[in-house]
PDB file of N, CA and C in Angstrom:
ATOM      1  N   MET A   1     -19.495  93.105 -61.612  1.00  0.00           N
ATOM      2  CA  MET A   1     -21.173  92.930 -61.652  1.00  0.00           C
ATOM      3  C   MET A   1     -21.590  91.592 -60.834  1.00  0.00           C
ATOM      4  N   LEU A   2     -21.121  90.662 -59.953  1.00  0.00           N
ATOM      5  CA  LEU A   2     -21.283  89.969 -59.107  1.00  0.00           C
ATOM      6  C   LEU A   2     -21.523  90.271 -57.823  1.00  0.00           C
ATOM      7  N   LYS A   3     -20.472  91.435 -57.761  1.00  0.00           N
ATOM      8  CA  LYS A   3     -20.232  92.135 -56.047  1.00  0.00           C
ATOM      9  C   LYS A   3     -21.601  92.519 -56.187  1.00  0.00           C
ATOM     10  N   CYS A   4     -21.931  93.244 -57.210  1.00  0.00           N
ATOM     11  CA  CYS A   4     -23.543  94.386 -56.990  1.00  0.00           C
ATOM     12  C   CYS A   4     -24.507  93.496 -56.554  1.00  0.00           C
ATOM     13  N   ARG A   5     -24.684  92.386 -57.684  1.00  0.00           N
ATOM     14  CA  ARG A   5     -25.322  91.499 -57.121  1.00  0.00           C
ATOM     15  C   ARG A   5     -25.663  91.007 -56.477  1.00  0.00           C
ATOM     16  N   ARG A   6     -24.264  90.572 -55.588  1.00  0.00           N
ATOM     17  CA  ARG A   6     -24.264  89.985 -54.281  1.00  0.00           C
ATOM     18  C   ARG A   6     -25.115  91.019 -52.742  1.00  0.00           C
ATOM     19  N   VAL A   7     -24.723  92.230 -53.052  1.00  0.00           N
ATOM     20  CA  VAL A   7     -25.215  93.253 -52.273  1.00  0.00           C
ATOM     21  C   VAL A   7     -26.546  93.569 -52.455  1.00  0.00           C
ATOM     22  N   SER A   8     -27.138  93.356 -53.404  1.00  0.00           N
ATOM     23  CA  SER A   8     -28.294  93.936 -53.505  1.00  0.00           C
ATOM     24  C   SER A   8     -29.155  92.565 -53.338  1.00  0.00           C
ATOM     25  N   ALA A   9     -28.364  91.332 -53.619  1.00  0.00           N
ATOM     26  CA  ALA A   9     -29.053  90.132 -53.306  1.00  0.00           C
ATOM     27  C   ALA A   9     -29.512  90.420 -52.074  1.00  0.00           C
ATOM     28  N   ILE A  10     -28.777  90.505 -50.921  1.00  0.00           N
ATOM     29  CA  ILE A  10     -28.553  90.350 -49.186  1.00  0.00           C
ATOM     30  C   ILE A  10     -29.653  91.747 -48.893  1.00  0.00           C
ATOM     31  N   VAL A  11     -29.304  93.066 -49.412  1.00  0.00           N
ATOM     32  CA  VAL A  11     -30.255  93.825 -48.911  1.00  0.00           C
ATOM     33  C   VAL A  11     -31.563  94.080 -49.434  1.00  0.00           C
ATOM     34  N   ALA A  12     -32.175  93.176 -50.612  1.00  0.00           N
ATOM     35  CA  ALA A  12     -33.283  92.913 -50.699  1.00  0.00           C
ATOM     36  C   ALA A  12     -33.761  91.479 -49.710  1.00  0.00           C
ATOM     37  N   THR A  13     -32.916  90.423 -49.214  1.00  0.00           N
ATOM     38  CA  THR A  13     -33.635  89.431 -48.526  1.00  0.00           C
ATOM     39  C   THR A  13     -33.523  90.019 -47.229  1.00  0.00           C
ATOM     40  N   VAL A  14     -32.629  90.265 -46.888  1.00  0.00           N
ATOM     41  CA  VAL A  14     -32.719  90.747 -45.012  1.00  0.00           C
ATOM     42  C   VAL A  14     -33.043  91.943 -45.046  1.00  0.00           C
ATOM     43  N   GLY A  15     -32.667  92.763 -45.982  1.00  0.00           N
ATOM     44  CA  GLY A  15     -32.985  94.772 -45.374  1.00  0.00           C
ATOM     45  C   GLY A  15     -32.103  94.976 -44.322  1.00  0.00           C
ATOM     46  N   LYS A  16     -32.012  95.135 -43.316  1.00  0.00           N
ATOM     47  CA  LYS A  16     -30.941  96.208 -42.281  1.00  0.00           C
ATOM     48  C   LYS A  16     -30.124  94.948 -41.250  1.00  0.00           C
ATOM     49  N   GLY A  17     -31.176  93.567 -41.775  1.00  0.00           N
ATOM     50  CA  GLY A  17     -30.292  92.853 -40.220  1.00  0.00           C
ATOM     51  C   GLY A  17     -30.638  92.777 -39.400  1.00  0.00           C
ATOM     52  N   HIS A  18     -31.721  93.332 -39.268  1.00  0.00           N
ATOM     53  CA  HIS A  18     -32.513  93.802 -37.341  1.00  0.00           C
ATOM     54  C   HIS A  18     -32.964  92.308 -37.155  1.00  0.00           C
ATOM     55  N   ASP A  19     -33.502  91.731 -38.569  1.00  0.00           N
ATOM     56  CA  ASP A  19     -33.237  90.130 -37.511  1.00  0.00           C
ATOM     57  C   ASP A  19     -33.025  89.479 -36.981  1.00  0.00           C
ATOM     58  N   PHE A  20     -31.507  89.454 -36.787  1.00  0.00           N
ATOM     59  CA  PHE A  20     -30.177  89.080 -36.576  1.00  0.00           C
ATOM     60  C   PHE A  20     -30.144  89.844 -35.607  1.00  0.00           C
ATOM     61  N   ALA A  21     -29.348  88.851 -34.165  1.00  0.00           N
ATOM     62  CA  ALA A  21     -29.168  89.414 -33.223  1.00  0.00           C
ATOM     63  C   ALA A  21     -27.400  89.519 -32.920  1.00  0.00           C
ATOM     64  N   CYS A  22     -26.694  88.518 -33.857  1.00  0.00           N
ATOM     65  CA  CYS A  22     -25.081  88.613 -33.990  1.00  0.00           C
ATOM     66  C   CYS A  22     -25.291  87.994 -36.028  1.00  0.00           C
ATOM     67  N   GLY A  23     -23.968  88.204 -36.357  1.00  0.00           N
ATOM     68  CA  GLY A  23     -23.407  87.631 -36.862  1.00  0.00           C
ATOM     69  C   GLY A  23     -23.056  86.580 -37.208  1.00  0.00           C
ATOM     70  N   ARG A  24     -23.427  85.564 -36.330  1.00  0.00           N
ATOM     71  CA  ARG A  24     -23.041  83.739 -36.241  1.00  0.00           C
ATOM     72  C   ARG A  24     -24.906  83.559 -36.697  1.00  0.00           C
ATOM     73  N   GLN A  25     -25.584  84.152 -35.726  1.00  0.00           N
ATOM     74  CA  GLN A  25     -27.277  83.647 -36.495  1.00  0.00           C
ATOM     75  C   GLN A  25     -27.415  84.139 -37.709  1.00  0.00           C
ATOM     76  N   PHE A  26     -26.976  85.266 -38.595  1.00  0.00           N
ATOM     77  CA  PHE A  26     -26.880  85.411 -39.792  1.00  0.00           C
ATOM     78  C   PHE A  26     -26.394  84.306 -40.921  1.00  0.00           C
ATOM     79  N   CYS A  27     -25.027  84.104 -39.785  1.00  0.00           N
ATOM     80  CA  CYS A  27     -24.957  82.595 -40.787  1.00  0.00           C
ATOM     81  C   CYS A  27     -25.463  81.255 -40.858  1.00  0.00           C
ATOM     82  N   ALA A  28     -25.782  81.217 -39.589  1.00  0.00           N
ATOM     83  CA  ALA A  28     -26.892  79.751 -39.178  1.00  0.00           C
ATOM     84  C   ALA A  28     -27.909  80.096 -40.248  1.00  0.00           C
ATOM     85  N   TRP A  29     -28.210  80.964 -40.328  1.00  0.00           N
ATOM     86  CA  TRP A  29     -29.640  81.334 -41.333  1.00  0.00           C
ATOM     87  C   TRP A  29     -29.455  80.643 -42.532  1.00  0.00           C
ATOM     88  N   LEU A  30     -28.366  81.254 -43.242  1.00  0.00           N
ATOM     89  CA  LEU A  30     -27.733  81.367 -44.490  1.00  0.00           C
ATOM     90  C   LEU A  30     -27.353  79.889 -44.776  1.00  0.00           C
ATOM     91  N   GLY A  31     -26.972  78.981 -43.467  1.00  0.00           N
ATOM     92  CA  GLY A  31     -26.762  77.556 -43.652  1.00  0.00           C
ATOM     93  C   GLY A  31     -24.898  77.386 -43.829  1.00  0.00           C
ATOM     94  N   LEU A  32     -24.292  78.392 -43.367  1.00  0.00           N
ATOM     95  CA  LEU A  32     -22.761  78.107 -43.925  1.00  0.00           C
ATOM     96  C   LEU A  32     -22.335  77.881 -42.217  1.00  0.00           C
ATOM     97  N   VAL A  33     -23.134  77.294 -41.178  1.00  0.00           N
ATOM     98  CA  VAL A  33     -22.063  77.286 -40.185  1.00  0.00           C
ATOM     99  C   VAL A  33     -22.720  75.392 -40.356  1.00  0.00           C
ATOM    100  N   PRO A  34     -21.465  74.859 -39.054  1.00  0.00           N
ATOM    101  CA  PRO A  34     -21.619  73.258 -39.085  1.00  0.00           C
ATOM    102  C   PRO A  34     -23.007  72.322 -38.309  1.00  0.00           C
ATOM    103  N   GLY A  35     -23.932  71.483 -38.839  1.00  0.00           N
ATOM    104  CA  GLY A  35     -24.587  71.534 -37.775  1.00  0.00           C
ATOM    105  C   GLY A  35     -24.506  70.407 -36.753  1.00  0.00           C
ATOM    106  N   GLN A  36     -25.110  70.496 -35.446  1.00  0.00           N
ATOM    107  CA  GLN A  36     -24.346  70.229 -34.548  1.00  0.00           C
ATOM    108  C   GLN A  36     -25.210  68.800 -33.815  1.00  0.00           C
ATOM    109  N   TYR A  37     -23.953  67.800 -33.725  1.00  0.00           N
ATOM    110  CA  TYR A  37     -24.755  66.528 -32.895  1.00  0.00           C
ATOM    111  C   TYR A  37     -24.329  66.345 -31.526  1.00  0.00           C
ATOM    112  N   SER A  38     -24.714  67.150 -30.462  1.00  0.00           N
ATOM    113  CA  SER A  38     -24.434  66.767 -29.453  1.00  0.00           C
ATOM    114  C   SER A  38     -24.329  65.711 -28.934  1.00  0.00           C
ATOM    115  N   SER A  39     -24.134  65.126 -27.786  1.00  0.00           N
ATOM    116  CA  SER A  39     -24.334  64.426 -26.779  1.00  0.00           C
ATOM    117  C   SER A  39     -23.820  64.089 -25.585  1.00  0.00           C
ATOM    118  N   GLY A  40     -24.144  63.854 -24.597  1.00  0.00           N
ATOM    119  CA  GLY A  40     -23.501  63.560 -22.911  1.00  0.00           C
ATOM    120  C   GLY A  40     -22.680  64.509 -23.082  1.00  0.00           C
ATOM    121  N   GLY A  41     -22.580  65.876 -23.793  1.00  0.00           N
ATOM    122  CA  GLY A  41     -21.062  66.448 -23.204  1.00  0.00           C
ATOM    123  C   GLY A  41     -20.252  66.670 -24.753  1.00  0.00           C
ATOM    124  N   LYS A  42     -20.325  65.757 -25.138  1.00  0.00           N
ATOM    125  CA  LYS A  42     -19.266  65.815 -26.030  1.00  0.00           C
ATOM    126  C   LYS A  42     -20.112  66.323 -27.658  1.00  0.00           C
ATOM    127  N   GLN A  43     -19.330  67.468 -27.797  1.00  0.00           N
ATOM    128  CA  GLN A  43     -19.730  67.952 -29.478  1.00  0.00           C
ATOM    129  C   GLN A  43     -19.034  67.823 -30.604  1.00  0.00           C
ATOM    130  N   ARG A  44     -20.620  67.411 -30.917  1.00  0.00           N
ATOM    131  CA  ARG A  44     -19.830  67.161 -32.660  1.00  0.00           C
ATOM    132  C   ARG A  44     -20.103  68.073 -34.078  1.00  0.00           C
ATOM    133  N   LEU A  45     -19.280  68.577 -34.362  1.00  0.00           N
ATOM    134  CA  LEU A  45     -19.795  68.880 -35.864  1.00  0.00           C
ATOM    135  C   LEU A  45     -19.782  68.596 -36.632  1.00  0.00           C
ATOM    136  N   GLY A  46     -20.452  68.471 -37.504  1.00  0.00           N
ATOM    137  CA  GLY A  46     -21.270  67.793 -39.002  1.00  0.00           C
ATOM    138  C   GLY A  46     -20.805  69.048 -40.205  1.00  0.00           C
ATOM    139  N   ARG A  47     -21.350  68.351 -41.060  1.00  0.00           N
ATOM    140  CA  ARG A  47     -21.449  69.283 -42.700  1.00  0.00           C
ATOM    141  C   ARG A  47     -22.127  70.581 -42.482  1.00  0.00           C
ATOM    142  N   ILE A  48     -22.097  71.721 -43.627  1.00  0.00           N
ATOM    143  CA  ILE A  48     -22.757  73.044 -43.323  1.00  0.00           C
ATOM    144  C   ILE A  48     -24.380  72.633 -43.383  1.00  0.00           C
ATOM    145  N   THR A  49     -24.966  73.568 -42.710  1.00  0.00           N
ATOM    146  CA  THR A  49     -26.636  72.759 -43.069  1.00  0.00           C
ATOM    147  C   THR A  49     -27.241  72.795 -44.332  1.00  0.00           C
ATOM    148  N   LYS A  50     -26.967  74.473 -44.965  1.00  0.00           N
ATOM    149  CA  LYS A  50     -27.490  74.303 -46.017  1.00  0.00           C
ATOM    150  C   LYS A  50     -28.958  74.984 -46.006  1.00  0.00           C
ATOM    151  N   ALA A  51     -29.347  75.096 -44.337  1.00  0.00           N
ATOM    152  CA  ALA A  51     -30.510  75.977 -44.175  1.00  0.00           C
ATOM    153  C   ALA A  51     -30.647  77.448 -45.247  1.00  0.00           C
ATOM    154  N   GLY A  52     -32.172  77.560 -44.975  1.00  0.00           N
ATOM    155  CA  GLY A  52     -31.970  79.944 -45.431  1.00  0.00           C
ATOM    156  C   GLY A  52     -31.968  79.515 -47.142  1.00  0.00           C
ATOM    157  N   ASP A  53     -31.567  80.606 -47.616  1.00  0.00           N
ATOM    158  CA  ASP A  53     -31.551  81.099 -49.064  1.00  0.00           C
ATOM    159  C   ASP A  53     -30.514  80.721 -50.103  1.00  0.00           C
ATOM    160  N   PRO A  54     -30.612  79.669 -50.959  1.00  0.00           N
ATOM    161  CA  PRO A  54     -29.838  79.024 -51.422  1.00  0.00           C
ATOM    162  C   PRO A  54     -29.169  80.082 -53.002  1.00  0.00           C
ATOM    163  N   TYR A  55     -30.008  80.590 -52.451  1.00  0.00           N
ATOM    164  CA  TYR A  55     -29.600  82.098 -54.284  1.00  0.00           C
ATOM    165  C   TYR A  55     -27.883  82.459 -53.527  1.00  0.00           C
ATOM    166  N   LEU A  56     -28.140  83.019 -52.161  1.00  0.00           N
ATOM    167  CA  LEU A  56     -27.509  84.470 -51.124  1.00  0.00           C
ATOM    168  C   LEU A  56     -26.444  82.987 -50.918  1.00  0.00           C
ATOM    169  N   ARG A  57     -26.835  81.517 -50.536  1.00  0.00           N
ATOM    170  CA  ARG A  57     -25.485  80.917 -49.868  1.00  0.00           C
ATOM    171  C   ARG A  57     -24.672  80.622 -51.315  1.00  0.00           C
ATOM    172  N   THR A  58     -25.152  80.331 -52.261  1.00  0.00           N
ATOM    173  CA  THR A  58     -24.179  80.086 -53.811  1.00  0.00           C
ATOM    174  C   THR A  58     -23.426  81.664 -54.010  1.00  0.00           C
ATOM    175  N   LEU A  59     -24.027  82.719 -54.098  1.00  0.00           N
ATOM    176  CA  LEU A  59     -23.461  83.945 -54.450  1.00  0.00           C
ATOM    177  C   LEU A  59     -22.315  84.094 -53.088  1.00  0.00           C
ATOM    178  N   LEU A  60     -22.335  83.798 -52.066  1.00  0.00           N
ATOM    179  CA  LEU A  60     -21.386  84.359 -50.978  1.00  0.00           C
ATOM    180  C   LEU A  60     -19.947  83.181 -51.124  1.00  0.00           C
ATOM    181  N   ILE A  61     -20.598  81.609 -51.213  1.00  0.00           N
ATOM    182  CA  ILE A  61     -19.574  80.447 -51.604  1.00  0.00           C
ATOM    183  C   ILE A  61     -19.179  80.919 -53.240  1.00  0.00           C
ATOM    184  N   MET A  62     -19.426  81.723 -54.137  1.00  0.00           N
ATOM    185  CA  MET A  62     -18.400  82.072 -54.870  1.00  0.00           C
ATOM    186  C   MET A  62     -17.609  83.237 -54.947  1.00  0.00           C
ATOM    187  N   GLY A  63     -18.193  83.842 -53.831  1.00  0.00           N
ATOM    188  CA  GLY A  63     -17.103  85.238 -53.193  1.00  0.00           C
ATOM    189  C   GLY A  63     -16.337  84.395 -52.962  1.00  0.00           C
ATOM    190  N   GLY A  64     -16.118  83.272 -52.174  1.00  0.00           N
ATOM    191  CA  GLY A  64     -15.619  82.658 -51.122  1.00  0.00           C
ATOM    192  C   GLY A  64     -14.044  82.352 -52.550  1.00  0.00           C
ATOM    193  N   LYS A  65     -14.718  81.752 -52.832  1.00  0.00           N
ATOM    194  CA  LYS A  65     -14.170  81.108 -54.045  1.00  0.00           C
ATOM    195  C   LYS A  65     -12.937  82.019 -54.868  1.00  0.00           C
ATOM    196  N   ALA A  66     -13.445  83.092 -55.539  1.00  0.00           N
ATOM    197  CA  ALA A  66     -12.629  84.378 -55.787  1.00  0.00           C
ATOM    198  C   ALA A  66     -11.870  84.705 -54.700  1.00  0.00           C
ATOM    199  N   VAL A  67     -12.203  85.812 -53.639  1.00  0.00           N
ATOM    200  CA  VAL A  67     -11.069  85.599 -52.541  1.00  0.00           C
ATOM    201  C   VAL A  67     -10.047  84.228 -52.331  1.00  0.00           C
ATOM    202  N   LEU A  68      -9.836  83.124 -52.296  1.00  0.00           N
ATOM    203  CA  LEU A  68      -9.459  82.156 -52.040  1.00  0.00           C
ATOM    204  C   LEU A  68      -8.082  82.449 -53.220  1.00  0.00           C
ATOM    205  N   ALA A  69      -8.691  82.648 -54.932  1.00  0.00           N
ATOM    206  CA  ALA A  69      -8.104  82.627 -56.000  1.00  0.00           C
ATOM    207  C   ALA A  69      -6.850  83.434 -55.760  1.00  0.00           C
ATOM    208  N   ALA A  70      -7.336  84.662 -55.367  1.00  0.00           N
ATOM    209  CA  ALA A  70      -6.712  86.126 -55.603  1.00  0.00           C
ATOM    210  C   ALA A  70      -5.316  86.415 -53.864  1.00  0.00           C
ATOM    211  N   ALA A  71      -6.030  85.474 -53.036  1.00  0.00           N
ATOM    212  CA  ALA A  71      -5.687  85.982 -51.533  1.00  0.00           C
ATOM    213  C   ALA A  71      -4.041  85.136 -51.872  1.00  0.00           C
ATOM    214  N   LYS A  72      -3.179  84.159 -52.766  1.00  0.00           N
ATOM    215  CA  LYS A  72      -2.035  83.522 -53.544  1.00  0.00           C
ATOM    216  C   LYS A  72      -1.145  85.156 -53.455  1.00  0.00           C
ATOM    217  N   ASN A  73      -1.607  86.004 -54.370  1.00  0.00           N
ATOM    218  CA  ASN A  73      -1.219  87.433 -54.348  1.00  0.00           C
ATOM    219  C   ASN A  73      -1.187  88.291 -53.835  1.00  0.00           C
ATOM    220  N   LYS A  74      -2.117  88.236 -52.526  1.00  0.00           N
ATOM    221  CA  LYS A  74      -1.848  89.640 -51.227  1.00  0.00           C
ATOM    222  C   LYS A  74      -1.318  89.301 -50.111  1.00  0.00           C
ATOM    223  N   THR A  75      -1.232  90.307 -49.550  1.00  0.00           N
ATOM    224  CA  THR A  75      -0.792  90.234 -48.599  1.00  0.00           C
ATOM    225  C   THR A  75      -1.545  90.818 -46.814  1.00  0.00           C
ATOM    226  N   ASP A  76      -2.485  91.012 -47.021  1.00  0.00           N
ATOM    227  CA  ASP A  76      -3.855  91.668 -46.582  1.00  0.00           C
ATOM    228  C   ASP A  76      -3.618  90.808 -44.873  1.00  0.00           C
ATOM    229  N   PRO A  77      -4.626  90.703 -44.383  1.00  0.00           N
ATOM    230  CA  PRO A  77      -4.345  90.174 -43.251  1.00  0.00           C
ATOM    231  C   PRO A  77      -5.790  88.904 -43.643  1.00  0.00           C
ATOM    232  N   VAL A  78      -6.939  89.203 -44.647  1.00  0.00           N
ATOM    233  CA  VAL A  78      -8.049  88.408 -44.902  1.00  0.00           C
ATOM    234  C   VAL A  78      -7.175  87.401 -45.628  1.00  0.00           C
ATOM    235  N   SER A  79      -6.610  87.501 -46.701  1.00  0.00           N
ATOM    236  CA  SER A  79      -5.252  86.629 -47.701  1.00  0.00           C
ATOM    237  C   SER A  79      -4.377  85.649 -46.635  1.00  0.00           C
ATOM    238  N   ARG A  80      -3.835  86.505 -45.299  1.00  0.00           N
ATOM    239  CA  ARG A  80      -3.154  85.673 -45.096  1.00  0.00           C
ATOM    240  C   ARG A  80      -3.813  84.788 -44.209  1.00  0.00           C
ATOM    241  N   TRP A  81      -4.820  84.779 -44.072  1.00  0.00           N
ATOM    242  CA  TRP A  81      -5.847  84.494 -42.762  1.00  0.00           C
ATOM    243  C   TRP A  81      -6.763  83.101 -43.453  1.00  0.00           C
ATOM    244  N   ALA A  82      -6.972  83.616 -44.568  1.00  0.00           N
ATOM    245  CA  ALA A  82      -7.639  82.307 -46.127  1.00  0.00           C
ATOM    246  C   ALA A  82      -6.019  81.153 -46.631  1.00  0.00           C
ATOM    247  N   LEU A  83      -5.512  81.686 -46.725  1.00  0.00           N
ATOM    248  CA  LEU A  83      -4.434  81.084 -46.937  1.00  0.00           C
ATOM    249  C   LEU A  83      -3.864  79.931 -46.366  1.00  0.00           C
ATOM    250  N   SER A  84      -4.107  80.400 -44.661  1.00  0.00           N
ATOM    251  CA  SER A  84      -3.996  79.554 -43.391  1.00  0.00           C
ATOM    252  C   SER A  84      -4.988  78.352 -43.431  1.00  0.00           C
ATOM    253  N   VAL A  85      -6.483  78.475 -43.512  1.00  0.00           N
ATOM    254  CA  VAL A  85      -7.285  77.930 -43.562  1.00  0.00           C
ATOM    255  C   VAL A  85      -7.259  77.402 -43.878  1.00  0.00           C
ATOM    256  N   GLN A  86      -7.020  77.355 -45.264  1.00  0.00           N
ATOM    257  CA  GLN A  86      -6.695  76.281 -46.789  1.00  0.00           C
ATOM    258  C   GLN A  86      -5.648  75.353 -46.682  1.00  0.00           C
ATOM    259  N   LYS A  87      -4.407  76.072 -46.030  1.00  0.00           N
ATOM    260  CA  LYS A  87      -3.208  74.997 -45.523  1.00  0.00           C
ATOM    261  C   LYS A  87      -4.258  74.078 -44.258  1.00  0.00           C
ATOM    262  N   ARG A  88      -4.022  74.184 -43.394  1.00  0.00           N
ATOM    263  CA  ARG A  88      -5.132  73.680 -42.272  1.00  0.00           C
ATOM    264  C   ARG A  88      -6.370  72.350 -42.412  1.00  0.00           C
ATOM    265  N   ARG A  89      -7.195  73.368 -43.065  1.00  0.00           N
ATOM    266  CA  ARG A  89      -8.467  72.333 -43.071  1.00  0.00           C
ATOM    267  C   ARG A  89      -8.473  71.855 -44.958  1.00  0.00           C
ATOM    268  N   GLY A  90      -8.109  72.602 -45.986  1.00  0.00           N
ATOM    269  CA  GLY A  90      -8.261  72.098 -47.309  1.00  0.00           C
ATOM    270  C   GLY A  90      -9.317  73.076 -47.958  1.00  0.00           C
ATOM    271  N   TYR A  91      -9.424  73.333 -49.351  1.00  0.00           N
ATOM    272  CA  TYR A  91     -10.059  73.853 -50.223  1.00  0.00           C
ATOM    273  C   TYR A  91     -11.074  74.354 -50.197  1.00  0.00           C
ATOM    274  N   TRP A  92     -12.528  73.175 -49.905  1.00  0.00           N
ATOM    275  CA  TRP A  92     -13.588  73.700 -49.816  1.00  0.00           C
ATOM    276  C   TRP A  92     -13.605  74.434 -48.355  1.00  0.00           C
ATOM    277  N   LYS A  93     -13.460  73.495 -47.096  1.00  0.00           N
ATOM    278  CA  LYS A  93     -13.439  74.239 -45.849  1.00  0.00           C
ATOM    279  C   LYS A  93     -13.064  75.431 -46.109  1.00  0.00           C
ATOM    280  N   ALA A  94     -12.123  76.191 -46.231  1.00  0.00           N
ATOM    281  CA  ALA A  94     -11.571  77.343 -46.214  1.00  0.00           C
ATOM    282  C   ALA A  94     -12.754  78.672 -47.328  1.00  0.00           C
ATOM    283  N   VAL A  95     -13.148  78.086 -48.496  1.00  0.00           N
ATOM    284  CA  VAL A  95     -14.164  78.542 -48.973  1.00  0.00           C
ATOM    285  C   VAL A  95     -15.524  78.854 -48.563  1.00  0.00           C
ATOM    286  N   VAL A  96     -15.905  77.961 -47.496  1.00  0.00           N
ATOM    287  CA  VAL A  96     -17.265  77.447 -46.700  1.00  0.00           C
ATOM    288  C   VAL A  96     -16.705  79.018 -45.567  1.00  0.00           C
ATOM    289  N   ALA A  97     -15.645  79.015 -44.615  1.00  0.00           N
ATOM    290  CA  ALA A  97     -14.948  79.418 -43.908  1.00  0.00           C
ATOM    291  C   ALA A  97     -14.682  80.730 -44.387  1.00  0.00           C
ATOM    292  N   ILE A  98     -14.779  81.677 -45.615  1.00  0.00           N
ATOM    293  CA  ILE A  98     -14.666  82.652 -45.905  1.00  0.00           C
ATOM    294  C   ILE A  98     -15.860  83.301 -46.270  1.00  0.00           C
ATOM    295  N   ALA A  99     -16.841  82.215 -46.885  1.00  0.00           N
ATOM    296  CA  ALA A  99     -17.664  82.438 -47.483  1.00  0.00           C
ATOM    297  C   ALA A  99     -18.797  82.926 -45.855  1.00  0.00           C
ATOM    298  N   ALA A 100     -18.535  82.350 -45.123  1.00  0.00           N
ATOM    299  CA  ALA A 100     -19.099  82.364 -43.323  1.00  0.00           C
ATOM    300  C   ALA A 100     -18.628  84.393 -43.524  1.00  0.00           C
ATOM    301  N   LYS A 101     -17.391  84.176 -43.201  1.00  0.00           N
ATOM    302  CA  LYS A 101     -16.973  85.588 -42.660  1.00  0.00           C
ATOM    303  C   LYS A 101     -17.218  86.980 -43.704  1.00  0.00           C
ATOM    304  N   ASN A 102     -17.394  86.427 -44.949  1.00  0.00           N
ATOM    305  CA  ASN A 102     -18.213  87.635 -45.857  1.00  0.00           C
ATOM    306  C   ASN A 102     -19.278  87.991 -45.305  1.00  0.00           C
ATOM    307  N   ALA A 103     -19.735  87.249 -44.994  1.00  0.00           N
ATOM    308  CA  ALA A 103     -21.300  87.167 -44.486  1.00  0.00           C
ATOM    309  C   ALA A 103     -21.469  87.859 -43.186  1.00  0.00           C
ATOM    310  N   ARG A 104     -20.330  87.347 -42.334  1.00  0.00           N
ATOM    311  CA  ARG A 104     -21.234  88.206 -41.195  1.00  0.00           C
ATOM    312  C   ARG A 104     -20.272  90.061 -40.917  1.00  0.00           C
ATOM    313  N   MET A 105     -19.489  89.966 -42.125  1.00  0.00           N
ATOM    314  CA  MET A 105     -19.111  91.693 -42.324  1.00  0.00           C
ATOM    315  C   MET A 105     -20.085  92.269 -42.960  1.00  0.00           C
ATOM    316  N   CYS A 106     -20.882  91.096 -44.113  1.00  0.00           N
ATOM    317  CA  CYS A 106     -22.181  91.787 -44.573  1.00  0.00           C
ATOM    318  C   CYS A 106     -22.761  92.420 -43.454  1.00  0.00           C
ATOM    319  N   TRP A 107     -23.316  91.592 -42.482  1.00  0.00           N
ATOM    320  CA  TRP A 107     -24.522  91.906 -42.014  1.00  0.00           C
ATOM    321  C   TRP A 107     -23.950  92.793 -40.395  1.00  0.00           C
ATOM    322  N   ALA A 108     -22.700  93.149 -40.379  1.00  0.00           N
ATOM    323  CA  ALA A 108     -22.066  94.227 -39.403  1.00  0.00           C
ATOM    324  C   ALA A 108     -22.017  94.972 -40.000  1.00  0.00           C
ATOM    325  N   MET A 109     -22.280  95.270 -41.514  1.00  0.00           N
ATOM    326  CA  MET A 109     -22.067  96.583 -42.210  1.00  0.00           C
ATOM    327  C   MET A 109     -23.567  96.966 -42.657  1.00  0.00           C
ATOM    328  N   LEU A 110     -24.507  96.249 -42.396  1.00  0.00           N
ATOM    329  CA  LEU A 110     -26.038  96.367 -43.084  1.00  0.00           C
ATOM    330  C   LEU A 110     -26.723  96.700 -40.855  1.00  0.00           C
ATOM    331  N   GLN A 111     -25.918  96.381 -39.935  1.00  0.00           N
ATOM    332  CA  GLN A 111     -26.316  96.548 -39.047  1.00  0.00           C
ATOM    333  C   GLN A 111     -25.832  97.882 -38.537  1.00  0.00           C
ATOM    334  N   ARG A 112     -24.482  98.467 -39.305  1.00  0.00           N
ATOM    335  CA  ARG A 112     -23.861  99.964 -38.777  1.00  0.00           C
ATOM    336  C   ARG A 112     -24.542 101.316 -39.632  1.00  0.00           C
ATOM    337  N   GLY A 113     -24.859 100.132 -40.497  1.00  0.00           N
ATOM    338  CA  GLY A 113     -24.866 101.836 -42.085  1.00  0.00           C
ATOM    339  C   GLY A 113     -23.621 102.078 -42.266  1.00  0.00           C
ATOM    340  N   GLU A 114     -22.065 101.417 -42.157  1.00  0.00           N
ATOM    341  CA  GLU A 114     -21.478 101.960 -42.523  1.00  0.00           C
ATOM    342  C   GLU A 114     -20.841 100.968 -43.744  1.00  0.00           C
ATOM    343  N   ASP A 115     -19.710 101.817 -44.395  1.00  0.00           N
ATOM    344  CA  ASP A 115     -18.938 101.254 -45.624  1.00  0.00           C
ATOM    345  C   ASP A 115     -18.121 100.295 -45.294  1.00  0.00           C
ATOM    346  N   PHE A 116     -17.669  98.853 -45.793  1.00  0.00           N
ATOM    347  CA  PHE A 116     -16.573  98.115 -45.663  1.00  0.00           C
ATOM    348  C   PHE A 116     -15.664  99.102 -45.178  1.00  0.00           C
ATOM    349  N   LYS A 117     -14.403  98.214 -44.944  1.00  0.00           N
ATOM    350  CA  LYS A 117     -13.478  98.591 -43.710  1.00  0.00           C
ATOM    351  C   LYS A 117     -12.341  97.208 -43.471  1.00  0.00           C
ATOM    352  N   MET A 118     -11.168  97.498 -43.974  1.00  0.00           N
ATOM    353  CA  MET A 118     -10.872  96.108 -44.316  1.00  0.00           C
ATOM    354  C   MET A 118     -10.222  95.916 -42.510  1.00  0.00           C
ATOM    355  N   PRO A 119     -10.610  94.858 -42.383  1.00  0.00           N
ATOM    356  CA  PRO A 119     -10.193  94.184 -41.306  1.00  0.00           C
ATOM    357  C   PRO A 119      -8.860  94.024 -40.446  1.00  0.00           C
ATOM    358  N   ALA A 120      -8.292  94.597 -39.276  1.00  0.00           N
ATOM    359  CA  ALA A 120      -7.538  94.531 -39.373  1.00  0.00           C
ATOM    360  C   ALA A 120      -6.487  93.251 -38.431  1.00  0.00           C
TER     361      ALA A 120
END
């Protein structure tokens, strides 16, 4: 049920995703990328910006939590990546990273008009 809501909400909000040049731009619009505070050639990244549609961001975060919870019993590349991010960075940063990765995959599917294929 949540999956259907997420997909229909993304399609209803962004259509085919042609307003965004790349997946990172789509993630930035959703507020799933860190804010940048750069000065003097030193790049500093802060918390996620929380810009954009709060409903879509919430759905993607909930999906990220579900992926991370299910990853413990799986060995596919996305699950292994999710667990390694959690081990390195902690639970919440892993959830946001998974949400951003899922958003980028959604953007790519909208752009290409393809069905989901598990990344290698």
